[in-house]
Amino acid sequence: MIIPIRCYTCGKPIGQHWDEYQKEVKKGTKPGTVMDKLGLDRYCCRSIFLTHIDMTERVGKFKK
């Protein structure tokens, strides 16, 4: 649902980079370049950013 605060595998804090990552990718910068700039060099951390799907808007429709 939301980006995790820490990487599931290595435990590195990654949550604070999510907003900057989204902003740069929407501008048209390649995701790999943005992750290099943010210091996400481990494959486990990079995979979380590449495979994350933001579901908060979809789930928010169903709240009581």
PDB file of N, CA and C in Angstrom:
ATOM      1  N   MET A   1       0.824  -1.193   0.000  1.00  0.00           N
ATOM      2  CA  MET A   1       0.000   0.000   0.000  1.00  0.00           C
ATOM      3  C   MET A   1       0.870   1.260   0.000  1.00  0.00           C
ATOM      4  N   ILE A   2       1.754   1.399   0.969  1.00  0.00           N
ATOM      5  CA  ILE A   2       2.665   2.533   1.002  1.00  0.00           C
ATOM      6  C   ILE A   2       4.093   2.000   1.002  1.00  0.00           C
ATOM      7  N   ILE A   3       5.012   2.850   0.614  1.00  0.00           N
ATOM      8  CA  ILE A   3       6.411   2.428   0.544  1.00  0.00           C
ATOM      9  C   ILE A   3       6.904   2.127   1.963  1.00  0.00           C
ATOM     10  N   PRO A   4       7.619   1.035   2.152  1.00  0.00           N
ATOM     11  CA  PRO A   4       8.099   0.710   3.498  1.00  0.00           C
ATOM     12  C   PRO A   4       9.189   1.690   3.955  1.00  0.00           C
ATOM     13  N   ILE A   5       9.315   1.860   5.249  1.00  0.00           N
ATOM     14  CA  ILE A   5      10.325   2.761   5.795  1.00  0.00           C
ATOM     15  C   ILE A   5      11.720   2.189   5.565  1.00  0.00           C
ATOM     16  N   ARG A   6      11.859   0.881   5.741  1.00  0.00           N
ATOM     17  CA  ARG A   6      13.150   0.221   5.554  1.00  0.00           C
ATOM     18  C   ARG A   6      13.018  -0.888   4.516  1.00  0.00           C
ATOM     19  N   CYS A   7      14.131  -1.195   3.885  1.00  0.00           N
ATOM     20  CA  CYS A   7      14.177  -2.297   2.920  1.00  0.00           C
ATOM     21  C   CYS A   7      13.903  -3.600   3.662  1.00  0.00           C
ATOM     22  N   TYR A   8      13.099  -4.458   3.051  1.00  0.00           N
ATOM     23  CA  TYR A   8      12.751  -5.735   3.672  1.00  0.00           C
ATOM     24  C   TYR A   8      13.965  -6.643   3.860  1.00  0.00           C
ATOM     25  N   THR A   9      14.921  -6.576   2.952  1.00  0.00           N
ATOM     26  CA  THR A   9      16.039  -7.495   2.958  1.00  0.00           C
ATOM     27  C   THR A   9      17.230  -6.992   3.778  1.00  0.00           C
ATOM     28  N   CYS A  10      17.692  -5.784   3.488  1.00  0.00           N
ATOM     29  CA  CYS A  10      18.924  -5.307   4.129  1.00  0.00           C
ATOM     30  C   CYS A  10      18.679  -4.359   5.296  1.00  0.00           C
ATOM     31  N   GLY A  11      17.495  -3.788   5.406  1.00  0.00           N
ATOM     32  CA  GLY A  11      17.181  -2.908   6.518  1.00  0.00           C
ATOM     33  C   GLY A  11      17.587  -1.456   6.321  1.00  0.00           C
ATOM     34  N   LYS A  12      18.054  -1.096   5.143  1.00  0.00           N
ATOM     35  CA  LYS A  12      18.462   0.282   4.878  1.00  0.00           C
ATOM     36  C   LYS A  12      17.221   1.178   4.825  1.00  0.00           C
ATOM     37  N   PRO A  13      17.258   2.360   5.454  1.00  0.00           N
ATOM     38  CA  PRO A  13      16.118   3.286   5.371  1.00  0.00           C
ATOM     39  C   PRO A  13      15.935   3.795   3.936  1.00  0.00           C
ATOM     40  N   ILE A  14      14.736   3.586   3.379  1.00  0.00           N
ATOM     41  CA  ILE A  14      14.488   3.999   1.992  1.00  0.00           C
ATOM     42  C   ILE A  14      13.228   4.854   1.851  1.00  0.00           C
ATOM     43  N   GLY A  15      12.389   4.897   2.857  1.00  0.00           N
ATOM     44  CA  GLY A  15      11.100   5.581   2.755  1.00  0.00           C
ATOM     45  C   GLY A  15      11.194   7.069   2.472  1.00  0.00           C
ATOM     46  N   GLN A  16      12.242   7.714   2.965  1.00  0.00           N
ATOM     47  CA  GLN A  16      12.361   9.158   2.789  1.00  0.00           C
ATOM     48  C   GLN A  16      12.701   9.545   1.352  1.00  0.00           C
ATOM     49  N   HIS A  17      13.115   8.594   0.541  1.00  0.00           N
ATOM     50  CA  HIS A  17      13.483   8.876  -0.845  1.00  0.00           C
ATOM     51  C   HIS A  17      12.310   8.749  -1.816  1.00  0.00           C
ATOM     52  N   TRP A  18      11.173   8.254  -1.394  1.00  0.00           N
ATOM     53  CA  TRP A  18      10.073   7.939  -2.298  1.00  0.00           C
ATOM     54  C   TRP A  18       9.523   9.169  -3.014  1.00  0.00           C
ATOM     55  N   ASP A  19       9.287  10.259  -2.285  1.00  0.00           N
ATOM     56  CA  ASP A  19       8.717  11.457  -2.908  1.00  0.00           C
ATOM     57  C   ASP A  19       9.648  12.043  -3.959  1.00  0.00           C
ATOM     58  N   GLU A  20      10.923  12.109  -3.647  1.00  0.00           N
ATOM     59  CA  GLU A  20      11.907  12.625  -4.604  1.00  0.00           C
ATOM     60  C   GLU A  20      11.999  11.714  -5.829  1.00  0.00           C
ATOM     61  N   TYR A  21      11.938  10.419  -5.610  1.00  0.00           N
ATOM     62  CA  TYR A  21      11.978   9.448  -6.711  1.00  0.00           C
ATOM     63  C   TYR A  21      10.793   9.650  -7.652  1.00  0.00           C
ATOM     64  N   GLN A  22       9.599   9.751  -7.093  1.00  0.00           N
ATOM     65  CA  GLN A  22       8.408   9.945  -7.922  1.00  0.00           C
ATOM     66  C   GLN A  22       8.470  11.248  -8.702  1.00  0.00           C
ATOM     67  N   LYS A  23       8.915  12.294  -8.054  1.00  0.00           N
ATOM     68  CA  LYS A  23       8.991  13.606  -8.696  1.00  0.00           C
ATOM     69  C   LYS A  23       9.936  13.581  -9.895  1.00  0.00           C
ATOM     70  N   GLU A  24      11.101  12.976  -9.719  1.00  0.00           N
ATOM     71  CA  GLU A  24      12.091  12.924 -10.800  1.00  0.00           C
ATOM     72  C   GLU A  24      11.640  12.021 -11.945  1.00  0.00           C
ATOM     73  N   VAL A  25      11.005  10.898 -11.633  1.00  0.00           N
ATOM     74  CA  VAL A  25      10.544   9.986 -12.686  1.00  0.00           C
ATOM     75  C   VAL A  25       9.426  10.630 -13.500  1.00  0.00           C
ATOM     76  N   LYS A  26       8.553  11.380 -12.849  1.00  0.00           N
ATOM     77  CA  LYS A  26       7.482  12.071 -13.575  1.00  0.00           C
ATOM     78  C   LYS A  26       8.028  13.150 -14.503  1.00  0.00           C
ATOM     79  N   LYS A  27       9.188  13.717 -14.158  1.00  0.00           N
ATOM     80  CA  LYS A  27       9.828  14.704 -15.028  1.00  0.00           C
ATOM     81  C   LYS A  27      10.397  14.064 -16.284  1.00  0.00           C
ATOM     82  N   GLY A  28      10.626  12.744 -16.233  1.00  0.00           N
ATOM     83  CA  GLY A  28      11.148  12.048 -17.398  1.00  0.00           C
ATOM     84  C   GLY A  28      12.528  11.459 -17.204  1.00  0.00           C
ATOM     85  N   THR A  29      13.084  11.579 -16.025  1.00  0.00           N
ATOM     86  CA  THR A  29      14.399  11.000 -15.751  1.00  0.00           C
ATOM     87  C   THR A  29      14.267   9.487 -15.623  1.00  0.00           C
ATOM     88  N   LYS A  30      15.252   8.758 -16.093  1.00  0.00           N
ATOM     89  CA  LYS A  30      15.215   7.300 -16.009  1.00  0.00           C
ATOM     90  C   LYS A  30      15.276   6.858 -14.552  1.00  0.00           C
ATOM     91  N   PRO A  31      14.487   5.837 -14.171  1.00  0.00           N
ATOM     92  CA  PRO A  31      14.476   5.377 -12.777  1.00  0.00           C
ATOM     93  C   PRO A  31      15.842   4.963 -12.255  1.00  0.00           C
ATOM     94  N   GLY A  32      16.649   4.323 -13.070  1.00  0.00           N
ATOM     95  CA  GLY A  32      17.974   3.901 -12.630  1.00  0.00           C
ATOM     96  C   GLY A  32      18.866   5.075 -12.274  1.00  0.00           C
ATOM     97  N   THR A  33      18.785   6.135 -13.059  1.00  0.00           N
ATOM     98  CA  THR A  33      19.570   7.332 -12.791  1.00  0.00           C
ATOM     99  C   THR A  33      19.137   7.993 -11.492  1.00  0.00           C
ATOM    100  N   VAL A  34      17.834   8.041 -11.264  1.00  0.00           N
ATOM    101  CA  VAL A  34      17.310   8.654 -10.035  1.00  0.00           C
ATOM    102  C   VAL A  34      17.747   7.856  -8.815  1.00  0.00           C
ATOM    103  N   MET A  35      17.685   6.535  -8.898  1.00  0.00           N
ATOM    104  CA  MET A  35      18.085   5.708  -7.761  1.00  0.00           C
ATOM    105  C   MET A  35      19.577   5.831  -7.482  1.00  0.00           C
ATOM    106  N   ASP A  36      20.385   5.962  -8.529  1.00  0.00           N
ATOM    107  CA  ASP A  36      21.819   6.189  -8.334  1.00  0.00           C
ATOM    108  C   ASP A  36      22.049   7.510  -7.605  1.00  0.00           C
ATOM    109  N   LYS A  37      21.322   8.537  -8.006  1.00  0.00           N
ATOM    110  CA  LYS A  37      21.450   9.862  -7.395  1.00  0.00           C
ATOM    111  C   LYS A  37      21.040   9.836  -5.921  1.00  0.00           C
ATOM    112  N   LEU A  38      20.019   9.046  -5.591  1.00  0.00           N
ATOM    113  CA  LEU A  38      19.520   8.973  -4.218  1.00  0.00           C
ATOM    114  C   LEU A  38      20.341   8.032  -3.336  1.00  0.00           C
ATOM    115  N   GLY A  39      21.269   7.304  -3.918  1.00  0.00           N
ATOM    116  CA  GLY A  39      22.122   6.406  -3.147  1.00  0.00           C
ATOM    117  C   GLY A  39      21.534   5.026  -2.941  1.00  0.00           C
ATOM    118  N   LEU A  40      20.576   4.643  -3.760  1.00  0.00           N
ATOM    119  CA  LEU A  40      19.986   3.307  -3.688  1.00  0.00           C
ATOM    120  C   LEU A  40      20.756   2.403  -4.649  1.00  0.00           C
ATOM    121  N   ASP A  41      21.823   1.812  -4.157  1.00  0.00           N
ATOM    122  CA  ASP A  41      22.678   1.020  -5.030  1.00  0.00           C
ATOM    123  C   ASP A  41      22.505  -0.479  -4.851  1.00  0.00           C
ATOM    124  N   ARG A  42      21.829  -0.909  -3.817  1.00  0.00           N
ATOM    125  CA  ARG A  42      21.609  -2.349  -3.604  1.00  0.00           C
ATOM    126  C   ARG A  42      20.399  -2.810  -4.414  1.00  0.00           C
ATOM    127  N   TYR A  43      20.503  -3.997  -4.967  1.00  0.00           N
ATOM    128  CA  TYR A  43      19.421  -4.496  -5.831  1.00  0.00           C
ATOM    129  C   TYR A  43      18.125  -4.711  -5.058  1.00  0.00           C
ATOM    130  N   CYS A  44      18.223  -5.046  -3.760  1.00  0.00           N
ATOM    131  CA  CYS A  44      17.006  -5.282  -2.983  1.00  0.00           C
ATOM    132  C   CYS A  44      16.226  -3.983  -2.790  1.00  0.00           C
ATOM    133  N   CYS A  45      16.926  -2.889  -2.510  1.00  0.00           N
ATOM    134  CA  CYS A  45      16.266  -1.591  -2.337  1.00  0.00           C
ATOM    135  C   CYS A  45      15.689  -1.095  -3.661  1.00  0.00           C
ATOM    136  N   ARG A  46      16.434  -1.276  -4.727  1.00  0.00           N
ATOM    137  CA  ARG A  46      15.981  -0.835  -6.050  1.00  0.00           C
ATOM    138  C   ARG A  46      14.730  -1.598  -6.495  1.00  0.00           C
ATOM    139  N   SER A  47      14.664  -2.881  -6.165  1.00  0.00           N
ATOM    140  CA  SER A  47      13.507  -3.677  -6.585  1.00  0.00           C
ATOM    141  C   SER A  47      12.234  -3.209  -5.890  1.00  0.00           C
ATOM    142  N   ILE A  48      12.347  -2.746  -4.657  1.00  0.00           N
ATOM    143  CA  ILE A  48      11.165  -2.224  -3.962  1.00  0.00           C
ATOM    144  C   ILE A  48      10.642  -0.987  -4.682  1.00  0.00           C
ATOM    145  N   PHE A  49      11.536  -0.100  -5.082  1.00  0.00           N
ATOM    146  CA  PHE A  49      11.113   1.122  -5.771  1.00  0.00           C
ATOM    147  C   PHE A  49      10.531   0.824  -7.151  1.00  0.00           C
ATOM    148  N   LEU A  50      11.113  -0.134  -7.858  1.00  0.00           N
ATOM    149  CA  LEU A  50      10.641  -0.431  -9.209  1.00  0.00           C
ATOM    150  C   LEU A  50       9.318  -1.186  -9.230  1.00  0.00           C
ATOM    151  N   THR A  51       9.038  -1.979  -8.209  1.00  0.00           N
ATOM    152  CA  THR A  51       7.838  -2.810  -8.221  1.00  0.00           C
ATOM    153  C   THR A  51       6.707  -2.271  -7.358  1.00  0.00           C
ATOM    154  N   HIS A  52       6.916  -1.142  -6.675  1.00  0.00           N
ATOM    155  CA  HIS A  52       5.889  -0.600  -5.783  1.00  0.00           C
ATOM    156  C   HIS A  52       4.723  -0.022  -6.587  1.00  0.00           C
ATOM    157  N   ILE A  53       3.507  -0.346  -6.168  1.00  0.00           N
ATOM    158  CA  ILE A  53       2.287   0.202  -6.766  1.00  0.00           C
ATOM    159  C   ILE A  53       1.522   0.914  -5.660  1.00  0.00           C
ATOM    160  N   ASP A  54       1.257   2.203  -5.842  1.00  0.00           N
ATOM    161  CA  ASP A  54       0.579   2.985  -4.826  1.00  0.00           C
ATOM    162  C   ASP A  54      -0.925   2.712  -4.897  1.00  0.00           C
ATOM    163  N   MET A  55      -1.461   2.104  -3.854  1.00  0.00           N
ATOM    164  CA  MET A  55      -2.861   1.687  -3.831  1.00  0.00           C
ATOM    165  C   MET A  55      -3.719   2.534  -2.885  1.00  0.00           C
ATOM    166  N   THR A  56      -3.181   3.600  -2.307  1.00  0.00           N
ATOM    167  CA  THR A  56      -3.916   4.346  -1.295  1.00  0.00           C
ATOM    168  C   THR A  56      -5.197   4.975  -1.844  1.00  0.00           C
ATOM    169  N   GLU A  57      -5.179   5.465  -3.063  1.00  0.00           N
ATOM    170  CA  GLU A  57      -6.383   6.073  -3.637  1.00  0.00           C
ATOM    171  C   GLU A  57      -7.454   5.021  -3.910  1.00  0.00           C
ATOM    172  N   ARG A  58      -7.059   3.865  -4.397  1.00  0.00           N
ATOM    173  CA  ARG A  58      -8.031   2.801  -4.673  1.00  0.00           C
ATOM    174  C   ARG A  58      -8.669   2.269  -3.395  1.00  0.00           C
ATOM    175  N   VAL A  59      -7.860   2.064  -2.365  1.00  0.00           N
ATOM    176  CA  VAL A  59      -8.367   1.524  -1.114  1.00  0.00           C
ATOM    177  C   VAL A  59      -9.191   2.574  -0.375  1.00  0.00           C
ATOM    178  N   GLY A  60      -8.844   3.838  -0.537  1.00  0.00           N
ATOM    179  CA  GLY A  60      -9.575   4.914   0.126  1.00  0.00           C
ATOM    180  C   GLY A  60     -11.033   5.011  -0.283  1.00  0.00           C
ATOM    181  N   LYS A  61     -11.385   4.503  -1.454  1.00  0.00           N
ATOM    182  CA  LYS A  61     -12.768   4.527  -1.915  1.00  0.00           C
ATOM    183  C   LYS A  61     -13.670   3.621  -1.079  1.00  0.00           C
ATOM    184  N   PHE A  62     -13.090   2.627  -0.418  1.00  0.00           N
ATOM    185  CA  PHE A  62     -13.876   1.616   0.274  1.00  0.00           C
ATOM    186  C   PHE A  62     -13.962   1.829   1.781  1.00  0.00           C
ATOM    187  N   LYS A  63     -13.458   2.942   2.298  1.00  0.00           N
ATOM    188  CA  LYS A  63     -13.533   3.126   3.740  1.00  0.00           C
ATOM    189  C   LYS A  63     -14.961   3.408   4.164  1.00  0.00           C
ATOM    190  N   LYS A  64     -15.289   2.998   5.374  1.00  0.00           N
ATOM    191  CA  LYS A  64     -16.664   3.137   5.858  1.00  0.00           C
ATOM    192  C   LYS A  64     -16.923   4.495   6.421  1.00  0.00           C
TER     193      LYS A  64
END
